[in-house]
Amino acid sequence: MLRRRSLTRTIDDWRPSDRRLRHPFELWRRGKVILAERLFLEFLSRDASVADAWRGLGSVAWSRGEFERSLGAFIRALVLRASDPMNWTNVGLANRELRRSSRAIHAFEVAIALDATYAPAHNEWANVLVDLGKYDEALTHYRTALSLRPRRFVYHHNLGVCLRLLGRLAEAKAEFRRALHLSPNYAWSCHELTSINSSQALKRLRSARREVSPIQRGLAGSKPLVPGNEGRFICRTQTLEVE
């Protein structure tokens, strides 16, 4: 399935227009969510009319898994700046976490209607389609996102997972390799590529064992092969990605 906890990578244009908010956003991106939240709340207590402050508060809540609260803050940002496709995309992200797929897709549709070149909305829409098992439809949006941002490694990764789910393993491996070329330490593509290689090696081993006679299998001193070393990476395990 698609990895969900990745808002910091999902929103490419996260930097606020108000310079006073750059420090709390940086804190949030570095994982210092408690301090970031305090600064966003202090800012909002003085001026609740700044959309980016609500976006920051929603981002903190999202990172903490407080998705209803996150959605509420993202909606406040949206009300203040409804022409920004990022705000619609954030609303879509929160709705996806809350398993409200139709609302998420609607938000991504509006984001793309506002700006057809906004790649994150295409990527996130595709992720919801994968959640729903609509892999062929998802491919279109992943490829659109990549046509707009060809060097976004997470888009290559997500496309790879979608291709794997369709059984198109050679194409999937190519996308995971592209993701790793752009971000060599990206653990999730590393895990996906390792998993496919291990599975393919195991199938080859089983096929080879079926072709060996019972007498040959019983030769003294023979040891079973250990599949899974082909293309092996040392990395954390995870599956897919939002961006």
C-alpha atoms as a PDB file:
ATOM      1  CA  MET A   1       0.000   0.000   0.000  1.00  0.00           C
ATOM      2  CA  LEU A   2       1.013   3.610  -0.271  1.00  0.00           C
ATOM      3  CA  ARG A   3       3.043   5.043   2.529  1.00  0.00           C
ATOM      4  CA  ARG A   4       1.053   7.834   4.156  1.00  0.00           C
ATOM      5  CA  ARG A   5       3.246   9.712   6.616  1.00  0.00           C
ATOM      6  CA  SER A   6       5.097  11.888   4.164  1.00  0.00           C
ATOM      7  CA  LEU A   7       3.560  15.329   4.107  1.00  0.00           C
ATOM      8  CA  THR A   8       6.954  17.046   4.317  1.00  0.00           C
ATOM      9  CA  ARG A   9       7.868  15.463   1.011  1.00  0.00           C
ATOM     10  CA  THR A  10       4.431  15.830  -0.516  1.00  0.00           C
ATOM     11  CA  ILE A  11       4.202  19.594  -0.553  1.00  0.00           C
ATOM     12  CA  ASP A  12       6.982  20.893  -2.777  1.00  0.00           C
ATOM     13  CA  ASP A  13       6.105  24.563  -2.319  1.00  0.00           C
ATOM     14  CA  TRP A  14       5.865  24.482   1.459  1.00  0.00           C
ATOM     15  CA  ARG A  15       7.695  27.756   2.086  1.00  0.00           C
ATOM     16  CA  PRO A  16       5.351  30.437   3.458  1.00  0.00           C
ATOM     17  CA  SER A  17       5.085  33.846   1.861  1.00  0.00           C
ATOM     18  CA  ASP A  18       5.207  35.492   5.295  1.00  0.00           C
ATOM     19  CA  ARG A  19       8.834  35.486   6.455  1.00  0.00           C
ATOM     20  CA  ARG A  20       7.722  35.368  10.107  1.00  0.00           C
ATOM     21  CA  LEU A  21       6.466  31.811   9.550  1.00  0.00           C
ATOM     22  CA  ARG A  22       9.607  30.384   7.993  1.00  0.00           C
ATOM     23  CA  HIS A  23      11.181  29.454  11.323  1.00  0.00           C
ATOM     24  CA  PRO A  24       8.233  27.388  12.629  1.00  0.00           C
ATOM     25  CA  PHE A  25       7.924  25.682   9.233  1.00  0.00           C
ATOM     26  CA  GLU A  26      11.622  24.771   9.374  1.00  0.00           C
ATOM     27  CA  LEU A  27      11.136  23.390  12.886  1.00  0.00           C
ATOM     28  CA  TRP A  28       8.238  21.271  11.647  1.00  0.00           C
ATOM     29  CA  ARG A  29      10.285  19.918   8.759  1.00  0.00           C
ATOM     30  CA  ARG A  30      13.049  18.974  11.204  1.00  0.00           C
ATOM     31  CA  GLY A  31      10.561  17.048  13.325  1.00  0.00           C
ATOM     32  CA  LYS A  32      10.358  19.541  16.201  1.00  0.00           C
ATOM     33  CA  VAL A  33       6.583  19.521  16.095  1.00  0.00           C
ATOM     34  CA  ILE A  34       5.876  20.602  19.688  1.00  0.00           C
ATOM     35  CA  LEU A  35       7.881  23.809  19.366  1.00  0.00           C
ATOM     36  CA  ALA A  36       6.560  24.418  15.847  1.00  0.00           C
ATOM     37  CA  GLU A  37       2.983  24.011  17.053  1.00  0.00           C
ATOM     38  CA  ARG A  38       3.541  26.495  19.895  1.00  0.00           C
ATOM     39  CA  LEU A  39       4.915  29.084  17.476  1.00  0.00           C
ATOM     40  CA  PHE A  40       2.057  28.611  14.999  1.00  0.00           C
ATOM     41  CA  LEU A  41      -0.488  28.971  17.801  1.00  0.00           C
ATOM     42  CA  GLU A  42       1.224  32.095  19.109  1.00  0.00           C
ATOM     43  CA  PHE A  43       1.189  33.581  15.624  1.00  0.00           C
ATOM     44  CA  LEU A  44      -2.507  32.759  15.149  1.00  0.00           C
ATOM     45  CA  SER A  45      -3.388  34.299  18.511  1.00  0.00           C
ATOM     46  CA  ARG A  46      -2.092  37.582  17.102  1.00  0.00           C
ATOM     47  CA  ASP A  47      -3.314  37.226  13.518  1.00  0.00           C
ATOM     48  CA  ALA A  48      -5.733  34.464  12.485  1.00  0.00           C
ATOM     49  CA  SER A  49      -6.103  35.803   8.943  1.00  0.00           C
ATOM     50  CA  VAL A  50      -2.871  34.292   7.529  1.00  0.00           C
ATOM     51  CA  ALA A  51      -3.539  31.129   5.531  1.00  0.00           C
ATOM     52  CA  ASP A  52       0.010  29.808   5.845  1.00  0.00           C
ATOM     53  CA  ALA A  53      -0.206  29.860   9.643  1.00  0.00           C
ATOM     54  CA  TRP A  54      -3.251  27.574   9.517  1.00  0.00           C
ATOM     55  CA  ARG A  55      -1.455  25.412   6.962  1.00  0.00           C
ATOM     56  CA  GLY A  56       1.484  25.111   9.333  1.00  0.00           C
ATOM     57  CA  LEU A  57      -0.762  24.152  12.233  1.00  0.00           C
ATOM     58  CA  GLY A  58      -2.484  21.582  10.025  1.00  0.00           C
ATOM     59  CA  SER A  59       0.867  20.177   8.950  1.00  0.00           C
ATOM     60  CA  VAL A  60       1.940  19.712  12.576  1.00  0.00           C
ATOM     61  CA  ALA A  61      -1.324  17.946  13.420  1.00  0.00           C
ATOM     62  CA  TRP A  62      -0.958  15.777  10.310  1.00  0.00           C
ATOM     63  CA  SER A  63       2.556  14.743  11.336  1.00  0.00           C
ATOM     64  CA  ARG A  64       1.225  13.740  14.767  1.00  0.00           C
ATOM     65  CA  GLY A  65      -1.539  11.620  13.259  1.00  0.00           C
ATOM     66  CA  GLU A  66      -4.288  14.009  14.389  1.00  0.00           C
ATOM     67  CA  PHE A  67      -6.055  13.988  11.049  1.00  0.00           C
ATOM     68  CA  GLU A  68      -9.414  15.486  12.026  1.00  0.00           C
ATOM     69  CA  ARG A  69      -7.613  18.409  13.641  1.00  0.00           C
ATOM     70  CA  SER A  70      -5.314  18.629  10.642  1.00  0.00           C
ATOM     71  CA  LEU A  71      -8.281  18.751   8.282  1.00  0.00           C
ATOM     72  CA  GLY A  72      -9.869  21.539  10.292  1.00  0.00           C
ATOM     73  CA  ALA A  73      -6.730  23.676  10.079  1.00  0.00           C
ATOM     74  CA  PHE A  74      -6.277  22.960   6.365  1.00  0.00           C
ATOM     75  CA  ILE A  75      -9.888  24.000   5.740  1.00  0.00           C
ATOM     76  CA  ARG A  76      -9.246  27.293   7.574  1.00  0.00           C
ATOM     77  CA  ALA A  77      -6.268  27.873   5.262  1.00  0.00           C
ATOM     78  CA  LEU A  78      -8.438  26.987   2.282  1.00  0.00           C
ATOM     79  CA  VAL A  79     -11.155  29.456   3.253  1.00  0.00           C
ATOM     80  CA  LEU A  80      -8.568  32.220   3.487  1.00  0.00           C
ATOM     81  CA  ARG A  81      -6.840  31.313   0.210  1.00  0.00           C
ATOM     82  CA  ALA A  82      -9.071  29.138  -1.945  1.00  0.00           C
ATOM     83  CA  SER A  83      -7.175  29.938  -5.132  1.00  0.00           C
ATOM     84  CA  ASP A  84      -4.074  28.046  -3.954  1.00  0.00           C
ATOM     85  CA  PRO A  85      -3.964  24.445  -5.254  1.00  0.00           C
ATOM     86  CA  MET A  86      -1.700  23.501  -2.351  1.00  0.00           C
ATOM     87  CA  ASN A  87      -4.463  24.184   0.146  1.00  0.00           C
ATOM     88  CA  TRP A  88      -6.874  21.963  -1.771  1.00  0.00           C
ATOM     89  CA  THR A  89      -4.219  19.260  -1.981  1.00  0.00           C
ATOM     90  CA  ASN A  90      -3.669  19.399   1.785  1.00  0.00           C
ATOM     91  CA  VAL A  91      -7.408  18.995   2.362  1.00  0.00           C
ATOM     92  CA  GLY A  92      -7.270  16.001   0.064  1.00  0.00           C
ATOM     93  CA  LEU A  93      -4.344  14.516   1.997  1.00  0.00           C
ATOM     94  CA  ALA A  94      -6.173  14.750   5.307  1.00  0.00           C
ATOM     95  CA  ASN A  95      -9.320  13.228   3.819  1.00  0.00           C
ATOM     96  CA  ARG A  96      -7.287  10.351   2.446  1.00  0.00           C
ATOM     97  CA  GLU A  97      -5.934   9.644   5.917  1.00  0.00           C
ATOM     98  CA  LEU A  98      -9.502   9.647   7.202  1.00  0.00           C
ATOM     99  CA  ARG A  99     -10.466   7.128   4.475  1.00  0.00           C
ATOM    100  CA  ARG A 100     -12.773   9.649   2.805  1.00  0.00           C
ATOM    101  CA  SER A 101     -11.696   8.827  -0.712  1.00  0.00           C
ATOM    102  CA  SER A 102     -14.413  10.668  -2.620  1.00  0.00           C
ATOM    103  CA  ARG A 103     -13.760  13.894  -0.695  1.00  0.00           C
ATOM    104  CA  ALA A 104     -10.024  13.514  -1.243  1.00  0.00           C
ATOM    105  CA  ILE A 105     -10.465  13.027  -4.980  1.00  0.00           C
ATOM    106  CA  HIS A 106     -12.771  16.054  -5.179  1.00  0.00           C
ATOM    107  CA  ALA A 107     -10.121  18.206  -3.490  1.00  0.00           C
ATOM    108  CA  PHE A 108      -7.442  17.007  -5.924  1.00  0.00           C
ATOM    109  CA  GLU A 109      -9.781  17.652  -8.856  1.00  0.00           C
ATOM    110  CA  VAL A 110     -10.246  21.251  -7.721  1.00  0.00           C
ATOM    111  CA  ALA A 111      -6.490  21.686  -7.219  1.00  0.00           C
ATOM    112  CA  ILE A 112      -5.832  20.513 -10.777  1.00  0.00           C
ATOM    113  CA  ALA A 113      -8.656  22.677 -12.141  1.00  0.00           C
ATOM    114  CA  LEU A 114      -6.915  25.648 -10.534  1.00  0.00           C
ATOM    115  CA  ASP A 115      -3.506  24.625 -11.875  1.00  0.00           C
ATOM    116  CA  ALA A 116      -3.183  21.648 -14.201  1.00  0.00           C
ATOM    117  CA  THR A 117       0.601  21.762 -13.763  1.00  0.00           C
ATOM    118  CA  TYR A 118       0.483  21.241  -9.985  1.00  0.00           C
ATOM    119  CA  ALA A 119       2.220  17.866  -9.844  1.00  0.00           C
ATOM    120  CA  PRO A 120       1.557  16.992  -6.153  1.00  0.00           C
ATOM    121  CA  ALA A 121      -2.198  16.927  -6.770  1.00  0.00           C
ATOM    122  CA  HIS A 122      -1.743  14.428  -9.608  1.00  0.00           C
ATOM    123  CA  ASN A 123       0.482  12.261  -7.424  1.00  0.00           C
ATOM    124  CA  GLU A 124      -1.916  12.327  -4.475  1.00  0.00           C
ATOM    125  CA  TRP A 125      -4.946  11.622  -6.658  1.00  0.00           C
ATOM    126  CA  ALA A 126      -3.107   8.601  -8.029  1.00  0.00           C
ATOM    127  CA  ASN A 127      -2.354   7.428  -4.491  1.00  0.00           C
ATOM    128  CA  VAL A 128      -6.057   7.437  -3.628  1.00  0.00           C
ATOM    129  CA  LEU A 129      -6.808   5.504  -6.809  1.00  0.00           C
ATOM    130  CA  VAL A 130      -4.252   2.895  -5.751  1.00  0.00           C
ATOM    131  CA  ASP A 131      -5.964   2.699  -2.347  1.00  0.00           C
ATOM    132  CA  LEU A 132      -9.160   1.899  -4.254  1.00  0.00           C
ATOM    133  CA  GLY A 133      -7.476  -0.712  -6.442  1.00  0.00           C
ATOM    134  CA  LYS A 134      -7.868   1.408  -9.599  1.00  0.00           C
ATOM    135  CA  TYR A 135      -4.299   0.888 -10.754  1.00  0.00           C
ATOM    136  CA  ASP A 136      -4.752   1.646 -14.460  1.00  0.00           C
ATOM    137  CA  GLU A 137      -6.357   4.996 -13.677  1.00  0.00           C
ATOM    138  CA  ALA A 138      -3.597   5.758 -11.195  1.00  0.00           C
ATOM    139  CA  LEU A 139      -0.917   5.228 -13.854  1.00  0.00           C
ATOM    140  CA  THR A 140      -2.222   8.184 -15.836  1.00  0.00           C
ATOM    141  CA  HIS A 141      -1.858  10.579 -12.914  1.00  0.00           C
ATOM    142  CA  TYR A 142       1.560   9.260 -11.880  1.00  0.00           C
ATOM    143  CA  ARG A 143       2.843   9.706 -15.424  1.00  0.00           C
ATOM    144  CA  THR A 144       1.379  13.218 -15.559  1.00  0.00           C
ATOM    145  CA  ALA A 145       3.098  14.099 -12.284  1.00  0.00           C
ATOM    146  CA  LEU A 146       6.387  12.774 -13.667  1.00  0.00           C
ATOM    147  CA  SER A 147       5.999  14.699 -16.915  1.00  0.00           C
ATOM    148  CA  LEU A 148       5.749  17.854 -14.785  1.00  0.00           C
ATOM    149  CA  ARG A 149       8.436  16.941 -12.238  1.00  0.00           C
ATOM    150  CA  PRO A 150      10.665  14.244 -13.778  1.00  0.00           C
ATOM    151  CA  ARG A 151      13.255  14.425 -10.994  1.00  0.00           C
ATOM    152  CA  ARG A 152      10.847  13.801  -8.092  1.00  0.00           C
ATOM    153  CA  PHE A 153      12.059  10.434  -6.867  1.00  0.00           C
ATOM    154  CA  VAL A 154       8.869   9.729  -4.926  1.00  0.00           C
ATOM    155  CA  TYR A 155       6.842   9.947  -8.133  1.00  0.00           C
ATOM    156  CA  HIS A 156       9.080   7.293  -9.699  1.00  0.00           C
ATOM    157  CA  HIS A 157       8.695   5.206  -6.555  1.00  0.00           C
ATOM    158  CA  ASN A 158       4.904   5.456  -6.520  1.00  0.00           C
ATOM    159  CA  LEU A 159       4.699   4.622 -10.204  1.00  0.00           C
ATOM    160  CA  GLY A 160       6.895   1.591  -9.494  1.00  0.00           C
ATOM    161  CA  VAL A 161       4.560   0.332  -6.781  1.00  0.00           C
ATOM    162  CA  CYS A 162       1.562   0.763  -9.049  1.00  0.00           C
ATOM    163  CA  LEU A 163       3.314  -1.184 -11.806  1.00  0.00           C
ATOM    164  CA  ARG A 164       4.225  -3.927  -9.315  1.00  0.00           C
ATOM    165  CA  LEU A 165       0.587  -4.217  -8.274  1.00  0.00           C
ATOM    166  CA  LEU A 166      -0.271  -4.648 -11.959  1.00  0.00           C
ATOM    167  CA  GLY A 167       2.308  -7.439 -12.223  1.00  0.00           C
ATOM    168  CA  ARG A 168       4.571  -5.442 -14.545  1.00  0.00           C
ATOM    169  CA  LEU A 169       7.699  -6.220 -12.553  1.00  0.00           C
ATOM    170  CA  ALA A 170      10.376  -5.271 -15.082  1.00  0.00           C
ATOM    171  CA  GLU A 171       8.865  -1.795 -15.457  1.00  0.00           C
ATOM    172  CA  ALA A 172       8.422  -1.518 -11.694  1.00  0.00           C
ATOM    173  CA  LYS A 173      12.084  -2.335 -11.062  1.00  0.00           C
ATOM    174  CA  ALA A 174      13.125   0.290 -13.615  1.00  0.00           C
ATOM    175  CA  GLU A 175      11.130   2.942 -11.735  1.00  0.00           C
ATOM    176  CA  PHE A 176      12.587   1.932  -8.361  1.00  0.00           C
ATOM    177  CA  ARG A 177      16.076   2.166  -9.867  1.00  0.00           C
ATOM    178  CA  ARG A 178      15.273   5.632 -11.203  1.00  0.00           C
ATOM    179  CA  ALA A 179      14.099   6.670  -7.746  1.00  0.00           C
ATOM    180  CA  LEU A 180      17.321   5.355  -6.202  1.00  0.00           C
ATOM    181  CA  HIS A 181      19.404   7.073  -8.871  1.00  0.00           C
ATOM    182  CA  LEU A 182      17.815  10.377  -7.835  1.00  0.00           C
ATOM    183  CA  SER A 183      17.909   9.579  -4.093  1.00  0.00           C
ATOM    184  CA  PRO A 184      20.374   6.723  -3.384  1.00  0.00           C
ATOM    185  CA  ASN A 185      19.391   6.327   0.276  1.00  0.00           C
ATOM    186  CA  TYR A 186      15.640   6.222  -0.314  1.00  0.00           C
ATOM    187  CA  ALA A 187      14.721   3.218   1.832  1.00  0.00           C
ATOM    188  CA  TRP A 188      11.280   2.458   0.434  1.00  0.00           C
ATOM    189  CA  SER A 189      12.428   2.009  -3.169  1.00  0.00           C
ATOM    190  CA  CYS A 190      15.345   0.041  -1.813  1.00  0.00           C
ATOM    191  CA  HIS A 191      12.955  -2.291   0.001  1.00  0.00           C
ATOM    192  CA  GLU A 192      10.666  -2.680  -3.008  1.00  0.00           C
ATOM    193  CA  LEU A 193      13.532  -3.538  -5.336  1.00  0.00           C
ATOM    194  CA  THR A 194      14.989  -6.005  -2.841  1.00  0.00           C
ATOM    195  CA  SER A 195      11.596  -7.640  -2.334  1.00  0.00           C
ATOM    196  CA  ILE A 196      11.028  -8.128  -6.079  1.00  0.00           C
ATOM    197  CA  ASN A 197      14.553  -9.498  -6.597  1.00  0.00           C
ATOM    198  CA  SER A 198      14.165 -11.887  -3.658  1.00  0.00           C
ATOM    199  CA  SER A 199      10.814 -13.132  -4.929  1.00  0.00           C
ATOM    200  CA  GLN A 200      12.171 -13.663  -8.430  1.00  0.00           C
ATOM    201  CA  ALA A 201      15.259 -15.466  -7.091  1.00  0.00           C
ATOM    202  CA  LEU A 202      13.045 -17.754  -5.010  1.00  0.00           C
ATOM    203  CA  LYS A 203      10.921 -18.614  -8.045  1.00  0.00           C
ATOM    204  CA  ARG A 204      14.050 -19.442 -10.054  1.00  0.00           C
ATOM    205  CA  LEU A 205      15.301 -21.632  -7.222  1.00  0.00           C
ATOM    206  CA  ARG A 206      12.023 -23.526  -6.995  1.00  0.00           C
ATOM    207  CA  SER A 207      11.962 -23.962 -10.764  1.00  0.00           C
ATOM    208  CA  ALA A 208      15.520 -25.290 -10.734  1.00  0.00           C
ATOM    209  CA  ARG A 209      14.736 -27.729  -7.921  1.00  0.00           C
ATOM    210  CA  ARG A 210      11.811 -29.151  -9.896  1.00  0.00           C
ATOM    211  CA  GLU A 211      14.165 -29.831 -12.800  1.00  0.00           C
ATOM    212  CA  VAL A 212      16.665 -31.778 -10.638  1.00  0.00           C
ATOM    213  CA  SER A 213      16.134 -35.524 -10.196  1.00  0.00           C
ATOM    214  CA  PRO A 214      15.508 -36.958  -6.702  1.00  0.00           C
ATOM    215  CA  ILE A 215      18.904 -38.703  -6.793  1.00  0.00           C
ATOM    216  CA  GLN A 216      20.716 -35.451  -7.573  1.00  0.00           C
ATOM    217  CA  ARG A 217      18.860 -33.686  -4.768  1.00  0.00           C
ATOM    218  CA  GLY A 218      20.203 -36.239  -2.278  1.00  0.00           C
ATOM    219  CA  LEU A 219      23.903 -35.795  -3.054  1.00  0.00           C
ATOM    220  CA  ALA A 220      25.974 -35.715   0.128  1.00  0.00           C
ATOM    221  CA  GLY A 221      27.296 -32.352   1.170  1.00  0.00           C
ATOM    222  CA  SER A 222      24.824 -30.323  -0.862  1.00  0.00           C
ATOM    223  CA  LYS A 223      23.448 -27.185   0.752  1.00  0.00           C
ATOM    224  CA  PRO A 224      20.308 -25.288  -0.163  1.00  0.00           C
ATOM    225  CA  LEU A 225      20.766 -21.973  -1.860  1.00  0.00           C
ATOM    226  CA  VAL A 226      19.675 -18.927   0.103  1.00  0.00           C
ATOM    227  CA  PRO A 227      17.578 -16.680  -2.145  1.00  0.00           C
ATOM    228  CA  GLY A 228      17.343 -12.964  -1.672  1.00  0.00           C
ATOM    229  CA  ASN A 229      20.930 -11.807  -2.063  1.00  0.00           C
ATOM    230  CA  GLU A 230      20.533 -10.673  -5.647  1.00  0.00           C
ATOM    231  CA  GLY A 231      20.409  -6.881  -5.759  1.00  0.00           C
ATOM    232  CA  ARG A 232      20.469  -6.796  -1.973  1.00  0.00           C
ATOM    233  CA  PHE A 233      20.320  -3.433  -0.234  1.00  0.00           C
ATOM    234  CA  ILE A 234      20.737  -2.726   3.453  1.00  0.00           C
ATOM    235  CA  CYS A 235      17.826  -0.504   4.319  1.00  0.00           C
ATOM    236  CA  ARG A 236      14.745   0.001   6.418  1.00  0.00           C
ATOM    237  CA  THR A 237      11.579  -1.721   5.318  1.00  0.00           C
ATOM    238  CA  GLN A 238       8.458   0.077   4.203  1.00  0.00           C
ATOM    239  CA  THR A 239       6.203  -0.023   1.180  1.00  0.00           C
ATOM    240  CA  LEU A 240       4.883   2.859  -0.830  1.00  0.00           C
ATOM    241  CA  GLU A 241       4.800   6.604  -0.661  1.00  0.00           C
ATOM    242  CA  VAL A 242       2.577   9.673  -0.981  1.00  0.00           C
ATOM    243  CA  GLU A 243       5.361  11.845  -2.150  1.00  0.00           C
END
